[in-house]
Amino acid sequence: MRVLIAAMLLCGALGANAGCPVPKPGKQPVVPDGAVATENEMYRAQLAAESYLLQAQTYLDCGVMNRRQHNLLLTRMEMFSDALREAQVEFQVRDNILAGN
């Protein structure tokens, strides 16, 4: 966590044209199926998602991509966030139904 914060600060200090000390985010974490996932799986998915999205946002903030690349990464981040949110809602609904029984 400290490394990411330091990288974000360094990125801001270097400016947009100096390159980015944070690597481009790789493969998105797997989003579990909320209908069958365990609480632990959902928790681990949330942590992985936060890490991925923070790295992606930091990379976006560096300004090293052209407009098309920027928009593509931003769209991927939004679609990933939506998929995770849907899985979390599905998990919570299932969890509430099971708790009511």
N, C-alpha and C. Protein backbone atom coordinates (compact mmCIF):
# COMPACT_ATOMS: atom_id res chain seq x y z
N MET A 1 0.82 -1.18 0.00
CA MET A 1 0.00 0.00 0.00
C MET A 1 0.87 1.25 0.00
N ARG A 2 1.93 1.22 0.80
CA ARG A 2 2.83 2.38 0.85
C ARG A 2 3.48 2.62 -0.50
N VAL A 3 3.78 1.51 -1.20
CA VAL A 3 4.42 1.63 -2.51
C VAL A 3 3.49 2.32 -3.49
N LEU A 4 2.20 1.96 -3.47
CA LEU A 4 1.24 2.60 -4.38
C LEU A 4 1.08 4.08 -4.08
N ILE A 5 1.02 4.42 -2.81
CA ILE A 5 0.90 5.84 -2.44
C ILE A 5 2.13 6.61 -2.88
N ALA A 6 3.30 6.03 -2.65
CA ALA A 6 4.54 6.68 -3.08
C ALA A 6 4.58 6.82 -4.60
N ALA A 7 4.11 5.80 -5.30
CA ALA A 7 4.10 5.85 -6.76
C ALA A 7 3.15 6.93 -7.26
N MET A 8 1.99 7.08 -6.60
CA MET A 8 1.05 8.12 -7.00
C MET A 8 1.66 9.50 -6.79
N LEU A 9 2.32 9.69 -5.66
CA LEU A 9 2.95 10.98 -5.39
C LEU A 9 4.07 11.26 -6.38
N LEU A 10 4.86 10.24 -6.66
CA LEU A 10 5.96 10.38 -7.61
C LEU A 10 5.44 10.70 -9.00
N CYS A 11 4.36 10.02 -9.37
CA CYS A 11 3.77 10.24 -10.69
C CYS A 11 3.32 11.70 -10.83
N GLY A 12 2.69 12.23 -9.81
CA GLY A 12 2.25 13.62 -9.84
C GLY A 12 3.42 14.58 -9.89
N ALA A 13 4.50 14.24 -9.21
CA ALA A 13 5.67 15.11 -9.18
C ALA A 13 6.43 15.11 -10.50
N LEU A 14 6.42 13.99 -11.20
CA LEU A 14 7.17 13.88 -12.45
C LEU A 14 6.49 14.59 -13.61
N GLY A 15 5.20 14.72 -13.55
CA GLY A 15 4.47 15.35 -14.64
C GLY A 15 4.01 14.31 -15.65
N ALA A 16 3.11 14.73 -16.52
CA ALA A 16 2.46 13.81 -17.43
C ALA A 16 3.39 13.26 -18.51
N ASN A 17 4.37 14.01 -18.96
CA ASN A 17 5.20 13.58 -20.08
C ASN A 17 6.45 12.83 -19.66
N ALA A 18 6.70 12.69 -18.39
CA ALA A 18 7.93 12.07 -17.92
C ALA A 18 7.84 10.56 -17.79
N GLY A 19 6.75 9.96 -18.17
CA GLY A 19 6.58 8.52 -18.00
C GLY A 19 5.86 8.24 -16.71
N CYS A 20 5.57 6.98 -16.49
CA CYS A 20 4.79 6.62 -15.32
C CYS A 20 5.51 5.52 -14.56
N PRO A 21 5.76 5.71 -13.26
CA PRO A 21 6.44 4.69 -12.47
C PRO A 21 5.54 3.50 -12.12
N VAL A 22 4.25 3.62 -12.40
CA VAL A 22 3.31 2.54 -12.12
C VAL A 22 3.09 1.76 -13.41
N PRO A 23 3.22 0.44 -13.37
CA PRO A 23 3.01 -0.33 -14.60
C PRO A 23 1.54 -0.30 -15.02
N LYS A 24 1.34 -0.46 -16.32
CA LYS A 24 -0.02 -0.53 -16.84
C LYS A 24 -0.71 -1.72 -16.19
N PRO A 25 -1.96 -1.53 -15.75
CA PRO A 25 -2.65 -2.64 -15.08
C PRO A 25 -2.80 -3.83 -16.03
N GLY A 26 -2.59 -5.00 -15.48
CA GLY A 26 -2.67 -6.21 -16.27
C GLY A 26 -4.08 -6.75 -16.33
N LYS A 27 -4.15 -8.05 -16.25
CA LYS A 27 -5.43 -8.76 -16.33
C LYS A 27 -6.32 -8.39 -15.14
N GLN A 28 -7.58 -8.19 -15.42
CA GLN A 28 -8.53 -7.87 -14.37
C GLN A 28 -8.73 -9.08 -13.46
N PRO A 29 -8.94 -8.84 -12.17
CA PRO A 29 -9.23 -9.95 -11.26
C PRO A 29 -10.54 -10.64 -11.66
N VAL A 30 -10.65 -11.89 -11.29
CA VAL A 30 -11.86 -12.66 -11.57
C VAL A 30 -12.97 -12.19 -10.63
N VAL A 31 -14.15 -11.96 -11.19
CA VAL A 31 -15.32 -11.60 -10.39
C VAL A 31 -16.09 -12.89 -10.12
N PRO A 32 -16.23 -13.26 -8.85
CA PRO A 32 -16.94 -14.50 -8.54
C PRO A 32 -18.44 -14.37 -8.81
N ASP A 33 -19.08 -15.50 -8.98
CA ASP A 33 -20.52 -15.54 -9.16
C ASP A 33 -21.18 -15.32 -7.80
N GLY A 34 -21.85 -14.22 -7.63
CA GLY A 34 -22.45 -13.87 -6.36
C GLY A 34 -23.51 -14.85 -5.89
N ALA A 35 -24.07 -15.62 -6.81
CA ALA A 35 -25.12 -16.58 -6.45
C ALA A 35 -24.56 -17.79 -5.72
N VAL A 36 -23.27 -18.07 -5.88
CA VAL A 36 -22.69 -19.27 -5.26
C VAL A 36 -21.41 -19.00 -4.47
N ALA A 37 -20.89 -17.79 -4.54
CA ALA A 37 -19.62 -17.47 -3.89
C ALA A 37 -19.75 -17.46 -2.37
N THR A 38 -18.66 -17.80 -1.71
CA THR A 38 -18.62 -17.72 -0.25
C THR A 38 -18.30 -16.29 0.15
N GLU A 39 -18.51 -16.01 1.43
CA GLU A 39 -18.19 -14.67 1.93
C GLU A 39 -16.70 -14.38 1.76
N ASN A 40 -15.87 -15.37 2.00
CA ASN A 40 -14.42 -15.22 1.85
C ASN A 40 -14.04 -14.92 0.40
N GLU A 41 -14.67 -15.60 -0.54
CA GLU A 41 -14.39 -15.36 -1.96
C GLU A 41 -14.79 -13.94 -2.35
N MET A 42 -15.91 -13.48 -1.86
CA MET A 42 -16.35 -12.12 -2.17
C MET A 42 -15.41 -11.09 -1.54
N TYR A 43 -14.95 -11.37 -0.34
CA TYR A 43 -14.02 -10.46 0.33
C TYR A 43 -12.70 -10.38 -0.43
N ARG A 44 -12.17 -11.53 -0.83
CA ARG A 44 -10.91 -11.55 -1.59
C ARG A 44 -11.08 -10.85 -2.93
N ALA A 45 -12.24 -11.03 -3.56
CA ALA A 45 -12.51 -10.36 -4.83
C ALA A 45 -12.55 -8.85 -4.65
N GLN A 46 -13.14 -8.39 -3.55
CA GLN A 46 -13.20 -6.96 -3.26
C GLN A 46 -11.79 -6.37 -3.09
N LEU A 47 -10.95 -7.08 -2.35
CA LEU A 47 -9.57 -6.61 -2.16
C LEU A 47 -8.81 -6.56 -3.48
N ALA A 48 -8.95 -7.60 -4.28
CA ALA A 48 -8.27 -7.64 -5.58
C ALA A 48 -8.78 -6.53 -6.49
N ALA A 49 -10.08 -6.29 -6.45
CA ALA A 49 -10.68 -5.24 -7.28
C ALA A 49 -10.17 -3.86 -6.86
N GLU A 50 -10.12 -3.61 -5.57
CA GLU A 50 -9.62 -2.32 -5.09
C GLU A 50 -8.18 -2.09 -5.53
N SER A 51 -7.36 -3.11 -5.44
CA SER A 51 -5.96 -3.00 -5.85
C SER A 51 -5.86 -2.74 -7.35
N TYR A 52 -6.60 -3.50 -8.15
CA TYR A 52 -6.59 -3.33 -9.60
C TYR A 52 -7.06 -1.93 -9.99
N LEU A 53 -8.18 -1.49 -9.42
CA LEU A 53 -8.73 -0.19 -9.79
C LEU A 53 -7.83 0.96 -9.34
N LEU A 54 -7.18 0.82 -8.20
CA LEU A 54 -6.25 1.85 -7.74
C LEU A 54 -5.04 1.94 -8.68
N GLN A 55 -4.52 0.79 -9.07
CA GLN A 55 -3.39 0.79 -10.01
C GLN A 55 -3.80 1.39 -11.35
N ALA A 56 -4.98 1.01 -11.84
CA ALA A 56 -5.46 1.52 -13.12
C ALA A 56 -5.69 3.03 -13.05
N GLN A 57 -6.28 3.52 -11.96
CA GLN A 57 -6.52 4.95 -11.81
C GLN A 57 -5.21 5.72 -11.73
N THR A 58 -4.25 5.16 -11.02
CA THR A 58 -2.93 5.80 -10.91
C THR A 58 -2.27 5.87 -12.28
N TYR A 59 -2.39 4.80 -13.06
CA TYR A 59 -1.83 4.79 -14.40
C TYR A 59 -2.53 5.81 -15.29
N LEU A 60 -3.85 5.90 -15.18
CA LEU A 60 -4.59 6.91 -15.94
C LEU A 60 -4.11 8.32 -15.59
N ASP A 61 -3.91 8.56 -14.30
CA ASP A 61 -3.51 9.89 -13.83
C ASP A 61 -2.12 10.30 -14.32
N CYS A 62 -1.30 9.33 -14.70
CA CYS A 62 0.04 9.66 -15.19
C CYS A 62 -0.01 10.38 -16.53
N GLY A 63 -1.06 10.15 -17.29
CA GLY A 63 -1.21 10.86 -18.57
C GLY A 63 -0.28 10.39 -19.66
N VAL A 64 0.13 9.14 -19.64
CA VAL A 64 1.08 8.64 -20.65
C VAL A 64 0.38 8.01 -21.85
N MET A 65 -0.94 7.94 -21.85
CA MET A 65 -1.68 7.31 -22.93
C MET A 65 -2.33 8.36 -23.82
N ASN A 66 -2.59 7.96 -25.07
CA ASN A 66 -3.35 8.86 -25.93
C ASN A 66 -4.83 8.76 -25.55
N ARG A 67 -5.65 9.60 -26.15
CA ARG A 67 -7.06 9.67 -25.78
C ARG A 67 -7.77 8.34 -25.97
N ARG A 68 -7.50 7.63 -27.06
CA ARG A 68 -8.16 6.35 -27.33
C ARG A 68 -7.80 5.32 -26.27
N GLN A 69 -6.52 5.22 -25.93
CA GLN A 69 -6.07 4.27 -24.91
C GLN A 69 -6.68 4.62 -23.54
N HIS A 70 -6.69 5.90 -23.24
CA HIS A 70 -7.25 6.38 -21.98
C HIS A 70 -8.72 5.97 -21.86
N ASN A 71 -9.49 6.25 -22.92
CA ASN A 71 -10.92 5.93 -22.91
C ASN A 71 -11.16 4.43 -22.84
N LEU A 72 -10.32 3.65 -23.51
CA LEU A 72 -10.46 2.20 -23.49
C LEU A 72 -10.23 1.65 -22.08
N LEU A 73 -9.18 2.11 -21.42
CA LEU A 73 -8.91 1.66 -20.06
C LEU A 73 -10.01 2.11 -19.11
N LEU A 74 -10.47 3.32 -19.28
CA LEU A 74 -11.55 3.83 -18.43
C LEU A 74 -12.83 3.00 -18.61
N THR A 75 -13.14 2.64 -19.84
CA THR A 75 -14.30 1.80 -20.11
C THR A 75 -14.14 0.42 -19.48
N ARG A 76 -12.93 -0.16 -19.59
CA ARG A 76 -12.68 -1.47 -18.97
C ARG A 76 -12.86 -1.39 -17.46
N MET A 77 -12.39 -0.31 -16.85
CA MET A 77 -12.54 -0.14 -15.41
C MET A 77 -14.02 -0.04 -15.02
N GLU A 78 -14.78 0.72 -15.79
CA GLU A 78 -16.21 0.88 -15.49
C GLU A 78 -16.96 -0.43 -15.64
N MET A 79 -16.65 -1.20 -16.70
CA MET A 79 -17.32 -2.48 -16.91
C MET A 79 -16.96 -3.47 -15.80
N PHE A 80 -15.71 -3.45 -15.39
CA PHE A 80 -15.27 -4.32 -14.30
C PHE A 80 -15.98 -3.95 -13.01
N SER A 81 -16.06 -2.66 -12.70
CA SER A 81 -16.74 -2.20 -11.49
C SER A 81 -18.22 -2.58 -11.51
N ASP A 82 -18.86 -2.44 -12.67
CA ASP A 82 -20.26 -2.82 -12.78
C ASP A 82 -20.46 -4.32 -12.55
N ALA A 83 -19.59 -5.14 -13.12
CA ALA A 83 -19.70 -6.60 -12.94
C ALA A 83 -19.50 -6.97 -11.47
N LEU A 84 -18.55 -6.34 -10.81
CA LEU A 84 -18.32 -6.62 -9.40
C LEU A 84 -19.52 -6.18 -8.56
N ARG A 85 -20.05 -5.01 -8.85
CA ARG A 85 -21.21 -4.50 -8.11
C ARG A 85 -22.40 -5.45 -8.26
N GLU A 86 -22.64 -5.94 -9.48
CA GLU A 86 -23.74 -6.89 -9.71
C GLU A 86 -23.53 -8.17 -8.91
N ALA A 87 -22.30 -8.67 -8.88
CA ALA A 87 -22.00 -9.88 -8.11
C ALA A 87 -22.23 -9.64 -6.62
N GLN A 88 -21.84 -8.46 -6.14
CA GLN A 88 -22.03 -8.14 -4.72
C GLN A 88 -23.51 -8.05 -4.37
N VAL A 89 -24.31 -7.45 -5.23
CA VAL A 89 -25.74 -7.36 -4.99
C VAL A 89 -26.35 -8.76 -4.99
N GLU A 90 -25.97 -9.58 -5.95
CA GLU A 90 -26.48 -10.94 -6.02
C GLU A 90 -26.10 -11.73 -4.76
N PHE A 91 -24.87 -11.54 -4.30
CA PHE A 91 -24.41 -12.21 -3.08
C PHE A 91 -25.24 -11.74 -1.87
N GLN A 92 -25.45 -10.44 -1.76
CA GLN A 92 -26.20 -9.90 -0.62
C GLN A 92 -27.64 -10.37 -0.63
N VAL A 93 -28.26 -10.43 -1.79
CA VAL A 93 -29.64 -10.92 -1.89
C VAL A 93 -29.69 -12.37 -1.44
N ARG A 94 -28.77 -13.18 -1.96
CA ARG A 94 -28.74 -14.59 -1.56
C ARG A 94 -28.48 -14.74 -0.07
N ASP A 95 -27.56 -13.95 0.45
CA ASP A 95 -27.22 -14.00 1.87
C ASP A 95 -28.42 -13.62 2.74
N ASN A 96 -29.17 -12.62 2.31
CA ASN A 96 -30.36 -12.19 3.06
C ASN A 96 -31.45 -13.26 3.01
N ILE A 97 -31.60 -13.91 1.87
CA ILE A 97 -32.60 -14.98 1.76
C ILE A 97 -32.23 -16.14 2.67
N LEU A 98 -30.95 -16.51 2.69
CA LEU A 98 -30.50 -17.61 3.54
C LEU A 98 -30.62 -17.25 5.02
N ALA A 99 -30.38 -16.00 5.36
CA ALA A 99 -30.46 -15.56 6.76
C ALA A 99 -31.91 -15.57 7.24
N GLY A 100 -32.84 -15.39 6.32
CA GLY A 100 -34.25 -15.37 6.69
C GLY A 100 -34.82 -16.75 6.92
N ASN A 101 -34.13 -17.78 6.47
CA ASN A 101 -34.63 -19.16 6.65
C ASN A 101 -34.28 -19.72 7.98
